[in-house]
C-alpha atoms as a PDB file:
ATOM      1  CA  MET A   1      15.572  12.282  18.379  1.00  0.00           C
ATOM      2  CA  ILE A   2      15.547  10.510  14.827  1.00  0.00           C
ATOM      3  CA  ALA A   3      13.196  11.402  12.366  1.00  0.00           C
ATOM      4  CA  PHE A   4      10.226   9.313  12.336  1.00  0.00           C
ATOM      5  CA  GLY A   5       8.905   9.035   8.647  1.00  0.00           C
ATOM      6  CA  LEU A   6       7.750   7.483   5.813  1.00  0.00           C
ATOM      7  CA  HIS A   7       9.849   5.888   3.304  1.00  0.00           C
ATOM      8  CA  THR A   8       7.730   5.926  -0.102  1.00  0.00           C
ATOM      9  CA  PRO A   9       9.786   5.289  -3.488  1.00  0.00           C
ATOM     10  CA  LEU A  10       8.490   6.780  -6.106  1.00  0.00           C
ATOM     11  CA  GLY A  11       6.912   5.515  -9.041  1.00  0.00           C
ATOM     12  CA  LEU A  12       6.491   6.424 -12.832  1.00  0.00           C
ATOM     13  CA  GLU A  13       9.442   8.329 -12.829  1.00  0.00           C
ATOM     14  CA  GLY A  14      10.071   9.916 -16.556  1.00  0.00           C
ATOM     15  CA  GLN A  15       6.197   9.729 -17.530  1.00  0.00           C
ATOM     16  CA  TRP A  16       4.456  12.450 -18.720  1.00  0.00           C
ATOM     17  CA  SER A  17       3.039  14.872 -15.395  1.00  0.00           C
ATOM     18  CA  GLY A  18       1.130  17.610 -14.965  1.00  0.00           C
ATOM     19  CA  ALA A  19      -0.707  19.587 -17.795  1.00  0.00           C
ATOM     20  CA  PRO A  20       0.253  16.847 -20.465  1.00  0.00           C
ATOM     21  CA  ALA A  21      -1.014  13.831 -17.965  1.00  0.00           C
ATOM     22  CA  VAL A  22      -4.332  15.773 -17.517  1.00  0.00           C
ATOM     23  CA  LEU A  23      -4.612  16.555 -21.126  1.00  0.00           C
ATOM     24  CA  VAL A  24      -3.915  12.625 -22.232  1.00  0.00           C
ATOM     25  CA  VAL A  25      -6.582  11.284 -19.614  1.00  0.00           C
ATOM     26  CA  VAL A  26      -9.023  13.964 -20.909  1.00  0.00           C
ATOM     27  CA  VAL A  27      -8.693  12.996 -24.232  1.00  0.00           C
ATOM     28  CA  ALA A  28      -8.676   9.345 -23.667  1.00  0.00           C
ATOM     29  CA  ILE A  29     -12.032   9.640 -21.844  1.00  0.00           C
ATOM     30  CA  ALA A  30     -13.624  11.864 -24.974  1.00  0.00           C
ATOM     31  CA  ILE A  31     -12.055   9.121 -27.157  1.00  0.00           C
ATOM     32  CA  PHE A  32     -12.994   6.281 -25.109  1.00  0.00           C
ATOM     33  CA  ILE A  33     -16.149   6.748 -23.218  1.00  0.00           C
ATOM     34  CA  GLY A  34     -17.645   9.874 -25.255  1.00  0.00           C
ATOM     35  CA  SER A  35     -17.997   7.769 -28.533  1.00  0.00           C
ATOM     36  CA  ILE A  36     -19.596   4.743 -26.974  1.00  0.00           C
ATOM     37  CA  TYR A  37     -21.901   7.710 -25.305  1.00  0.00           C
ATOM     38  CA  TYR A  38     -22.843   9.379 -28.534  1.00  0.00           C
ATOM     39  CA  LEU A  39     -23.442   6.213 -30.239  1.00  0.00           C
ATOM     40  CA  LEU A  40     -26.120   5.204 -27.523  1.00  0.00           C
ATOM     41  CA  SER A  41     -27.439   8.336 -27.250  1.00  0.00           C
ATOM     42  CA  THR A  42     -28.626   7.944 -31.031  1.00  0.00           C
ATOM     43  CA  ILE A  43     -30.629   5.185 -29.561  1.00  0.00           C
ATOM     44  CA  PHE A  44     -31.717   5.959 -25.919  1.00  0.00           C
ATOM     45  CA  GLY A  45     -31.623   9.531 -26.176  1.00  0.00           C
ATOM     46  CA  LEU A  46     -29.156  11.473 -24.191  1.00  0.00           C
ATOM     47  CA  LYS A  47     -30.240  11.167 -20.547  1.00  0.00           C
ATOM     48  CA  ARG A  48     -30.701   7.002 -20.964  1.00  0.00           C
ATOM     49  CA  ALA A  49     -27.615   6.705 -22.718  1.00  0.00           C
ATOM     50  CA  TYR A  50     -25.639   8.009 -20.007  1.00  0.00           C
ATOM     51  CA  TYR A  51     -27.306   6.080 -17.318  1.00  0.00           C
ATOM     52  CA  VAL A  52     -26.318   3.132 -19.366  1.00  0.00           C
ATOM     53  CA  THR A  53     -22.489   4.372 -20.134  1.00  0.00           C
ATOM     54  CA  MET A  54     -22.030   4.646 -16.369  1.00  0.00           C
ATOM     55  CA  VAL A  55     -23.933   1.553 -15.632  1.00  0.00           C
ATOM     56  CA  SER A  56     -21.168  -0.266 -17.934  1.00  0.00           C
ATOM     57  CA  LEU A  57     -18.389   1.819 -17.129  1.00  0.00           C
ATOM     58  CA  MET A  58     -19.105   1.259 -12.817  1.00  0.00           C
ATOM     59  CA  GLY A  59     -19.419  -2.683 -13.795  1.00  0.00           C
ATOM     60  CA  PHE A  60     -15.696  -2.821 -15.156  1.00  0.00           C
ATOM     61  CA  ILE A  61     -14.451  -0.717 -12.700  1.00  0.00           C
ATOM     62  CA  ILE A  62     -15.983  -3.263 -10.168  1.00  0.00           C
ATOM     63  CA  ILE A  63     -14.503  -6.374 -11.658  1.00  0.00           C
ATOM     64  CA  ILE A  64     -11.096  -4.560 -12.525  1.00  0.00           C
ATOM     65  CA  SER A  65     -10.882  -3.098  -8.305  1.00  0.00           C
ATOM     66  CA  LEU A  66     -11.863  -7.153  -7.548  1.00  0.00           C
ATOM     67  CA  VAL A  67      -8.604  -8.399  -9.932  1.00  0.00           C
ATOM     68  CA  TRP A  68      -6.777  -5.344  -8.313  1.00  0.00           C
ATOM     69  CA  LEU A  69      -7.269  -6.372  -4.683  1.00  0.00           C
ATOM     70  CA  PHE A  70      -7.325 -10.285  -4.812  1.00  0.00           C
ATOM     71  CA  GLY A  71      -5.244 -11.072  -8.047  1.00  0.00           C
ATOM     72  CA  ILE A  72      -6.351 -13.539 -11.057  1.00  0.00           C
ATOM     73  CA  PRO A  73      -4.490 -16.829 -12.089  1.00  0.00           C
ATOM     74  CA  GLY A  74      -1.220 -15.612 -13.148  1.00  0.00           C
ATOM     75  CA  THR A  75      -0.935 -12.717 -11.310  1.00  0.00           C
ATOM     76  CA  GLY A  76      -0.771 -11.798  -7.276  1.00  0.00           C
ATOM     77  CA  PRO A  77      -3.097  -8.948  -5.239  1.00  0.00           C
ATOM     78  CA  GLY A  78      -2.256  -5.592  -4.888  1.00  0.00           C
ATOM     79  CA  PHE A  79      -0.833  -5.356  -8.892  1.00  0.00           C
ATOM     80  CA  GLY A  80      -2.647  -2.435  -9.608  1.00  0.00           C
ATOM     81  CA  PRO A  81      -2.859   1.104  -8.040  1.00  0.00           C
ATOM     82  CA  ARG A  82      -1.079   0.754  -4.837  1.00  0.00           C
ATOM     83  CA  GLY A  83      -1.074   2.884  -1.628  1.00  0.00           C
ATOM     84  CA  ARG A  84       1.881   3.438   0.639  1.00  0.00           C
ATOM     85  CA  GLU A  85       4.454   0.766   0.897  1.00  0.00           C
ATOM     86  CA  PRO A  86       5.456  -0.792   4.153  1.00  0.00           C
ATOM     87  CA  SER A  87       8.290   0.881   5.578  1.00  0.00           C
ATOM     88  CA  TRP A  88      11.033   0.843   8.538  1.00  0.00           C
ATOM     89  CA  SER A  89      10.810   3.919  10.490  1.00  0.00           C
ATOM     90  CA  PRO A  90      13.251   4.204  13.321  1.00  0.00           C
ATOM     91  CA  PHE A  91      13.349   6.136  16.495  1.00  0.00           C
ATOM     92  CA  LEU A  92      15.278   6.360  19.785  1.00  0.00           C
ATOM     93  CA  PRO A  93      13.931   4.837  22.960  1.00  0.00           C
ATOM     94  CA  ASN A  94      13.559   8.266  24.760  1.00  0.00           C
ATOM     95  CA  SER A  95      12.023   9.738  22.019  1.00  0.00           C
ATOM     96  CA  GLU A  96       8.135  10.856  21.525  1.00  0.00           C
ATOM     97  CA  PHE A  97       7.288   7.907  19.699  1.00  0.00           C
ATOM     98  CA  ALA A  98       8.869   5.513  22.098  1.00  0.00           C
ATOM     99  CA  ALA A  99       6.116   6.303  24.549  1.00  0.00           C
ATOM    100  CA  ASP A 100       3.898   4.198  22.959  1.00  0.00           C
ATOM    101  CA  PHE A 101       5.877   1.198  23.380  1.00  0.00           C
ATOM    102  CA  LYS A 102       7.394   1.799  27.155  1.00  0.00           C
ATOM    103  CA  GLY A 103       6.627  -1.464  28.451  1.00  0.00           C
ATOM    104  CA  THR A 104       7.664  -3.194  25.733  1.00  0.00           C
ATOM    105  CA  LEU A 105      10.839  -1.269  24.670  1.00  0.00           C
ATOM    106  CA  ALA A 106      11.726  -1.466  28.882  1.00  0.00           C
ATOM    107  CA  THR A 107      12.605  -5.439  28.375  1.00  0.00           C
ATOM    108  CA  PHE A 108      14.751  -5.547  25.603  1.00  0.00           C
ATOM    109  CA  PRO A 109      16.577  -7.349  24.548  1.00  0.00           C
ATOM    110  CA  ASP A 110      15.319  -9.780  26.813  1.00  0.00           C
ATOM    111  CA  GLY A 111      12.150 -11.333  26.132  1.00  0.00           C
ATOM    112  CA  TRP A 112      12.584 -10.279  22.159  1.00  0.00           C
ATOM    113  CA  ASP A 113      12.811 -12.888  19.294  1.00  0.00           C
ATOM    114  CA  THR A 114      15.810 -13.161  17.690  1.00  0.00           C
ATOM    115  CA  PRO A 115      15.645 -12.935  14.140  1.00  0.00           C
ATOM    116  CA  ASN A 116      14.933 -16.283  12.771  1.00  0.00           C
ATOM    117  CA  LYS A 117      10.964 -15.728  13.490  1.00  0.00           C
ATOM    118  CA  LYS A 118       8.208 -15.336  11.095  1.00  0.00           C
ATOM    119  CA  TYR A 119       5.335 -12.332  11.961  1.00  0.00           C
ATOM    120  CA  PHE A 120       2.258 -11.651  10.428  1.00  0.00           C
ATOM    121  CA  GLY A 121       1.399 -14.752   8.192  1.00  0.00           C
ATOM    122  CA  ASN A 122      -1.521 -15.796   7.144  1.00  0.00           C
ATOM    123  CA  PRO A 123      -3.132 -18.301   9.120  1.00  0.00           C
ATOM    124  CA  ASP A 124      -2.408 -21.362   7.228  1.00  0.00           C
ATOM    125  CA  LYS A 125       0.098 -24.151   7.251  1.00  0.00           C
ATOM    126  CA  LYS A 126       2.238 -22.245   5.318  1.00  0.00           C
ATOM    127  CA  GLN A 127       2.211 -19.124   6.732  1.00  0.00           C
ATOM    128  CA  THR A 128       2.000 -17.363   3.477  1.00  0.00           C
ATOM    129  CA  GLY A 129       2.626 -13.357   3.623  1.00  0.00           C
ATOM    130  CA  ALA A 130       4.826 -13.974   7.060  1.00  0.00           C
ATOM    131  CA  ILE A 131       7.751 -11.313   7.389  1.00  0.00           C
ATOM    132  CA  GLU A 132      11.175 -12.980   7.408  1.00  0.00           C
ATOM    133  CA  ALA A 133      12.571 -11.480  10.379  1.00  0.00           C
ATOM    134  CA  LYS A 134      15.967 -11.971   9.082  1.00  0.00           C
ATOM    135  CA  GLY A 135      15.732 -11.412   5.684  1.00  0.00           C
ATOM    136  CA  GLU A 136      14.182  -7.843   7.327  1.00  0.00           C
ATOM    137  CA  ILE A 137      17.581  -6.575   8.630  1.00  0.00           C
ATOM    138  CA  ASP A 138      19.059  -5.755   5.324  1.00  0.00           C
ATOM    139  CA  THR A 139      15.926  -3.569   4.683  1.00  0.00           C
ATOM    140  CA  ILE A 140      16.300  -1.393   8.033  1.00  0.00           C
ATOM    141  CA  LYS A 141      20.140  -1.065   7.524  1.00  0.00           C
ATOM    142  CA  THR A 142      19.267   1.197   4.461  1.00  0.00           C
ATOM    143  CA  VAL A 143      16.761   3.352   6.720  1.00  0.00           C
ATOM    144  CA  LEU A 144      18.890   3.313  10.196  1.00  0.00           C
ATOM    145  CA  GLU A 145      22.211   4.528   8.691  1.00  0.00           C
ATOM    146  CA  PRO A 146      21.559   7.435   7.584  1.00  0.00           C
ATOM    147  CA  GLU A 147      19.471   8.386  10.242  1.00  0.00           C
ATOM    148  CA  LEU A 148      22.129   7.349  12.593  1.00  0.00           C
ATOM    149  CA  ALA A 149      24.956   9.575  10.367  1.00  0.00           C
ATOM    150  CA  GLY A 150      22.338  12.554  10.672  1.00  0.00           C
ATOM    151  CA  TYR A 151      21.815  12.391  14.480  1.00  0.00           C
ATOM    152  CA  PHE A 152      25.558  12.183  15.302  1.00  0.00           C
ATOM    153  CA  GLN A 153      26.241  14.873  12.565  1.00  0.00           C
ATOM    154  CA  LYS A 154      23.696  16.866  14.675  1.00  0.00           C
ATOM    155  CA  LEU A 155      25.214  16.214  18.287  1.00  0.00           C
ATOM    156  CA  LYS A 156      28.814  16.693  16.507  1.00  0.00           C
ATOM    157  CA  THR A 157      29.586  13.221  18.400  1.00  0.00           C
ATOM    158  CA  GLY A 158      30.162  10.833  15.459  1.00  0.00           C
ATOM    159  CA  SER A 159      30.568  10.368  11.505  1.00  0.00           C
ATOM    160  CA  ALA A 160      28.229  11.944   8.960  1.00  0.00           C
ATOM    161  CA  ASP A 161      29.143   8.976   6.842  1.00  0.00           C
ATOM    162  CA  PRO A 162      26.261   6.551   6.864  1.00  0.00           C
ATOM    163  CA  ALA A 163      29.035   3.733   6.268  1.00  0.00           C
ATOM    164  CA  ASP A 164      30.337   4.182   9.168  1.00  0.00           C
ATOM    165  CA  TYR A 165      27.337   3.032  10.952  1.00  0.00           C
ATOM    166  CA  ASP A 166      27.157  -0.408   9.162  1.00  0.00           C
ATOM    167  CA  PHE A 167      26.444  -3.725  11.398  1.00  0.00           C
ATOM    168  CA  ARG A 168      26.319  -6.855  11.009  1.00  0.00           C
ATOM    169  CA  VAL A 169      24.213  -9.696  13.301  1.00  0.00           C
ATOM    170  CA  PRO A 170      26.294 -12.972  14.594  1.00  0.00           C
ATOM    171  CA  GLY A 171      24.690 -16.205  13.201  1.00  0.00           C
ATOM    172  CA  THR A 172      25.543 -19.995  13.878  1.00  0.00           C
ATOM    173  CA  ALA A 173      29.241 -21.160  14.413  1.00  0.00           C
ATOM    174  CA  LYS A 174      29.346 -22.462  11.049  1.00  0.00           C
ATOM    175  CA  GLU A 175      27.733 -19.560   9.682  1.00  0.00           C
ATOM    176  CA  GLU A 176      30.460 -17.378  11.037  1.00  0.00           C
ATOM    177  CA  ALA A 177      33.688 -19.447  10.142  1.00  0.00           C
ATOM    178  CA  LYS A 178      32.309 -18.855   5.998  1.00  0.00           C
ATOM    179  CA  LEU A 179      32.868 -14.891   6.865  1.00  0.00           C
ATOM    180  CA  THR A 180      35.699 -13.613   5.313  1.00  0.00           C
ATOM    181  CA  GLU A 181      38.534 -11.148   7.194  1.00  0.00           C
ATOM    182  CA  ASP A 182      36.625  -8.127   5.566  1.00  0.00           C
ATOM    183  CA  GLU A 183      33.310  -8.867   6.863  1.00  0.00           C
ATOM    184  CA  LYS A 184      34.348 -10.137  10.215  1.00  0.00           C
ATOM    185  CA  LYS A 185      35.735  -6.696  10.978  1.00  0.00           C
ATOM    186  CA  VAL A 186      32.107  -5.326  10.494  1.00  0.00           C
ATOM    187  CA  PRO A 187      30.804  -4.254  14.350  1.00  0.00           C
ATOM    188  CA  ALA A 188      28.415  -7.135  15.282  1.00  0.00           C
ATOM    189  CA  ALA A 189      24.942  -5.817  16.560  1.00  0.00           C
ATOM    190  CA  VAL A 190      22.537  -7.376  19.306  1.00  0.00           C
ATOM    191  CA  ALA A 191      19.246  -7.529  16.882  1.00  0.00           C
ATOM    192  CA  ARG A 192      16.219  -8.667  18.567  1.00  0.00           C
ATOM    193  CA  PHE A 193      12.406  -8.106  17.000  1.00  0.00           C
ATOM    194  CA  LYS A 194       8.989  -8.002  19.151  1.00  0.00           C
ATOM    195  CA  ASP A 195       5.638  -8.263  18.171  1.00  0.00           C
ATOM    196  CA  ALA A 196       3.926  -5.713  20.528  1.00  0.00           C
ATOM    197  CA  GLY A 197       0.301  -6.481  19.707  1.00  0.00           C
ATOM    198  CA  GLY A 198      -2.232  -4.971  17.363  1.00  0.00           C
ATOM    199  CA  GLY A 199       0.000  -5.953  14.044  1.00  0.00           C
ATOM    200  CA  ASN A 200       2.740  -3.737  15.581  1.00  0.00           C
ATOM    201  CA  LEU A 201       6.058  -5.414  14.981  1.00  0.00           C
ATOM    202  CA  LEU A 202       9.166  -3.665  16.537  1.00  0.00           C
ATOM    203  CA  ALA A 203      12.971  -3.991  15.736  1.00  0.00           C
ATOM    204  CA  GLY A 204      15.404  -3.274  18.359  1.00  0.00           C
ATOM    205  CA  PHE A 205      19.507  -2.713  17.829  1.00  0.00           C
ATOM    206  CA  GLU A 206      22.372  -2.685  20.054  1.00  0.00           C
ATOM    207  CA  LEU A 207      25.382  -0.944  18.223  1.00  0.00           C
ATOM    208  CA  PRO A 208      28.407  -1.294  19.894  1.00  0.00           C
ATOM    209  CA  ALA A 209      31.045   2.036  19.972  1.00  0.00           C
ATOM    210  CA  VAL A 210      33.566   2.207  17.097  1.00  0.00           C
ATOM    211  CA  PRO A 211      36.350   3.971  17.749  1.00  0.00           C
ATOM    212  CA  GLY A 212      36.691   7.412  15.626  1.00  0.00           C
ATOM    213  CA  LYS A 213      33.130   6.595  14.062  1.00  0.00           C
ATOM    214  CA  HIS A 214      30.443   6.801  17.059  1.00  0.00           C
ATOM    215  CA  PRO A 215      29.787   5.871  20.411  1.00  0.00           C
ATOM    216  CA  ALA A 216      27.420   2.944  21.426  1.00  0.00           C
ATOM    217  CA  ILE A 217      23.819   3.217  21.022  1.00  0.00           C
ATOM    218  CA  THR A 218      20.373   1.485  21.158  1.00  0.00           C
ATOM    219  CA  VAL A 219      17.877   2.062  18.936  1.00  0.00           C
ATOM    220  CA  PHE A 220      14.727   0.692  17.418  1.00  0.00           C
ATOM    221  CA  ALA A 221      12.525   0.542  14.358  1.00  0.00           C
ATOM    222  CA  TYR A 222       8.804   0.218  13.694  1.00  0.00           C
ATOM    223  CA  ARG A 223       7.357  -1.747  10.722  1.00  0.00           C
ATOM    224  CA  ASP A 224       4.440   0.509   8.808  1.00  0.00           C
ATOM    225  CA  LYS A 225       2.670  -2.307   7.225  1.00  0.00           C
ATOM    226  CA  GLY A 226       1.482   0.864   4.987  1.00  0.00           C
ATOM    227  CA  ALA A 227      -1.577   0.752   2.956  1.00  0.00           C
ATOM    228  CA  VAL A 228      -1.064  -1.121  -0.396  1.00  0.00           C
ATOM    229  CA  PHE A 229      -4.821  -2.097  -1.233  1.00  0.00           C
ATOM    230  CA  LEU A 230      -6.461   1.078  -0.111  1.00  0.00           C
ATOM    231  CA  PRO A 231      -6.110   3.144  -3.966  1.00  0.00           C
ATOM    232  CA  ALA A 232      -8.107  -0.333  -4.715  1.00  0.00           C
ATOM    233  CA  LEU A 233     -10.537   0.099  -1.851  1.00  0.00           C
ATOM    234  CA  TYR A 234     -11.629   3.356  -2.917  1.00  0.00           C
ATOM    235  CA  PHE A 235     -12.119   2.557  -6.671  1.00  0.00           C
ATOM    236  CA  LEU A 236     -13.986  -0.657  -5.543  1.00  0.00           C
ATOM    237  CA  MET A 237     -16.353   1.341  -2.938  1.00  0.00           C
ATOM    238  CA  THR A 238     -16.912   4.491  -4.816  1.00  0.00           C
ATOM    239  CA  ALA A 239     -17.973   2.644  -8.264  1.00  0.00           C
ATOM    240  CA  LEU A 240     -20.342   0.336  -6.113  1.00  0.00           C
ATOM    241  CA  VAL A 241     -21.879   3.266  -5.157  1.00  0.00           C
ATOM    242  CA  LEU A 242     -21.964   4.939  -8.616  1.00  0.00           C
ATOM    243  CA  PHE A 243     -23.181   1.535  -9.952  1.00  0.00           C
ATOM    244  CA  ALA A 244     -26.168   1.250  -7.442  1.00  0.00           C
ATOM    245  CA  LEU A 245     -27.268   4.666  -8.109  1.00  0.00           C
ATOM    246  CA  HIS A 246     -27.390   4.718 -11.776  1.00  0.00           C
ATOM    247  CA  LEU A 247     -29.061   1.374 -11.958  1.00  0.00           C
ATOM    248  CA  TRP A 248     -31.491   2.971 -10.137  1.00  0.00           C
ATOM    249  CA  LEU A 249     -31.523   5.756 -12.084  1.00  0.00           C
ATOM    250  CA  LEU A 250     -31.962   3.737 -15.143  1.00  0.00           C
ATOM    251  CA  ALA A 251     -34.243   1.375 -13.755  1.00  0.00           C
ATOM    252  CA  ARG A 252     -36.424   4.727 -12.916  1.00  0.00           C
ATOM    253  CA  ASP A 253     -36.278   6.125 -16.110  1.00  0.00           C
ATOM    254  CA  GLU A 254     -37.621   3.012 -18.203  1.00  0.00           C
ATOM    255  CA  MET A 255     -40.955   2.804 -15.810  1.00  0.00           C
ATOM    256  CA  ARG A 256     -41.348   5.982 -16.222  1.00  0.00           C
ATOM    257  CA  GLN A 257     -41.226   5.803 -19.809  1.00  0.00           C
ATOM    258  CA  LYS A 258     -43.575   2.931 -19.845  1.00  0.00           C
ATOM    259  CA  GLU A 259     -46.003   4.948 -18.052  1.00  0.00           C
ATOM    260  CA  ARG A 260     -45.795   7.531 -20.755  1.00  0.00           C
ATOM    261  CA  ASP A 261     -46.030   4.709 -23.619  1.00  0.00           C
ATOM    262  CA  SER A 262     -49.145   3.354 -21.622  1.00  0.00           C
ATOM    263  CA  GLU A 263     -50.939   7.053 -21.437  1.00  0.00           C
ATOM    264  CA  THR A 264     -50.541   7.663 -25.006  1.00  0.00           C
ATOM    265  CA  ALA A 265     -51.692   4.474 -26.657  1.00  0.00           C
ATOM    266  CA  THR A 266     -54.766   4.916 -28.415  1.00  0.00           C
ATOM    267  CA  THR A 267     -57.401   1.668 -28.327  1.00  0.00           C
ATOM    268  CA  PRO A 268     -58.199   0.628 -31.847  1.00  0.00           C
ATOM    269  CA  GLU A 269     -61.706   1.012 -32.893  1.00  0.00           C
ATOM    270  CA  THR A 270     -63.780  -1.394 -34.075  1.00  0.00           C
ATOM    271  CA  VAL A 271     -65.337  -0.917 -37.879  1.00  0.00           C
ATOM    272  CA  SER A 272     -68.789  -2.500 -37.908  1.00  0.00           C
ATOM    273  CA  THR A 273     -70.016  -3.878 -41.585  1.00  0.00           C
ATOM    274  CA  ARG A 274     -73.219  -3.441 -40.704  1.00  0.00           C
ATOM    275  CA  ARG A 275     -75.700  -0.946 -42.588  1.00  0.00           C
END
């Protein structure tokens, strides 16, 4: 069975990590938030200054989280903290994962779409956000080729070089005529896509046998939609809860202060001038 895993690119390579990164965050909080809290405490006192600081901070995080989620003019959504990126995970038709799509896989390649269709587009005329099936093939190949090399190496029935599993998808007669001789030598594979419902997009490939390199094989790939917006959503939900909590605490503290002030207020006495 080909491994069904998630392939997430590393980020922030070469940046601080571990203890130095933690120290930077602590110092930044102490300087930027701590200084504001200290100034407010000289006016409102320690407790109320904390409430005011937290309400302001959570309000800012709510705004910036909405920007991360929906974008602003000049930027697009999802440019802030990002979760798991969309990726393709290959699997064999006899694998455990394939059992979830048994009925759909049984019809391959009949009833499947050729690589000239868009999927998962937004409900508008331009289908913004749609996935171009043909454009996804090169992305799938970067994952599929090393997986096949490892699989056949384990079985000792094929080459261990991922480059030996390269393939191309036949195009139109005009596109085929433009291919160079070296490009024509690349084995042509049958490639199909299928929307299995529920946002599950599958890709299937029939790779022909290549003498001295590998036997014929049928392999599939599942598109994991990822969770790009999840961190920003976590920020937003947490900030909303903390904002509401501290706003309530601040309001309660102010009402109690008014009650204390009214209890300690003295009624001025009228001094009579009559003797």
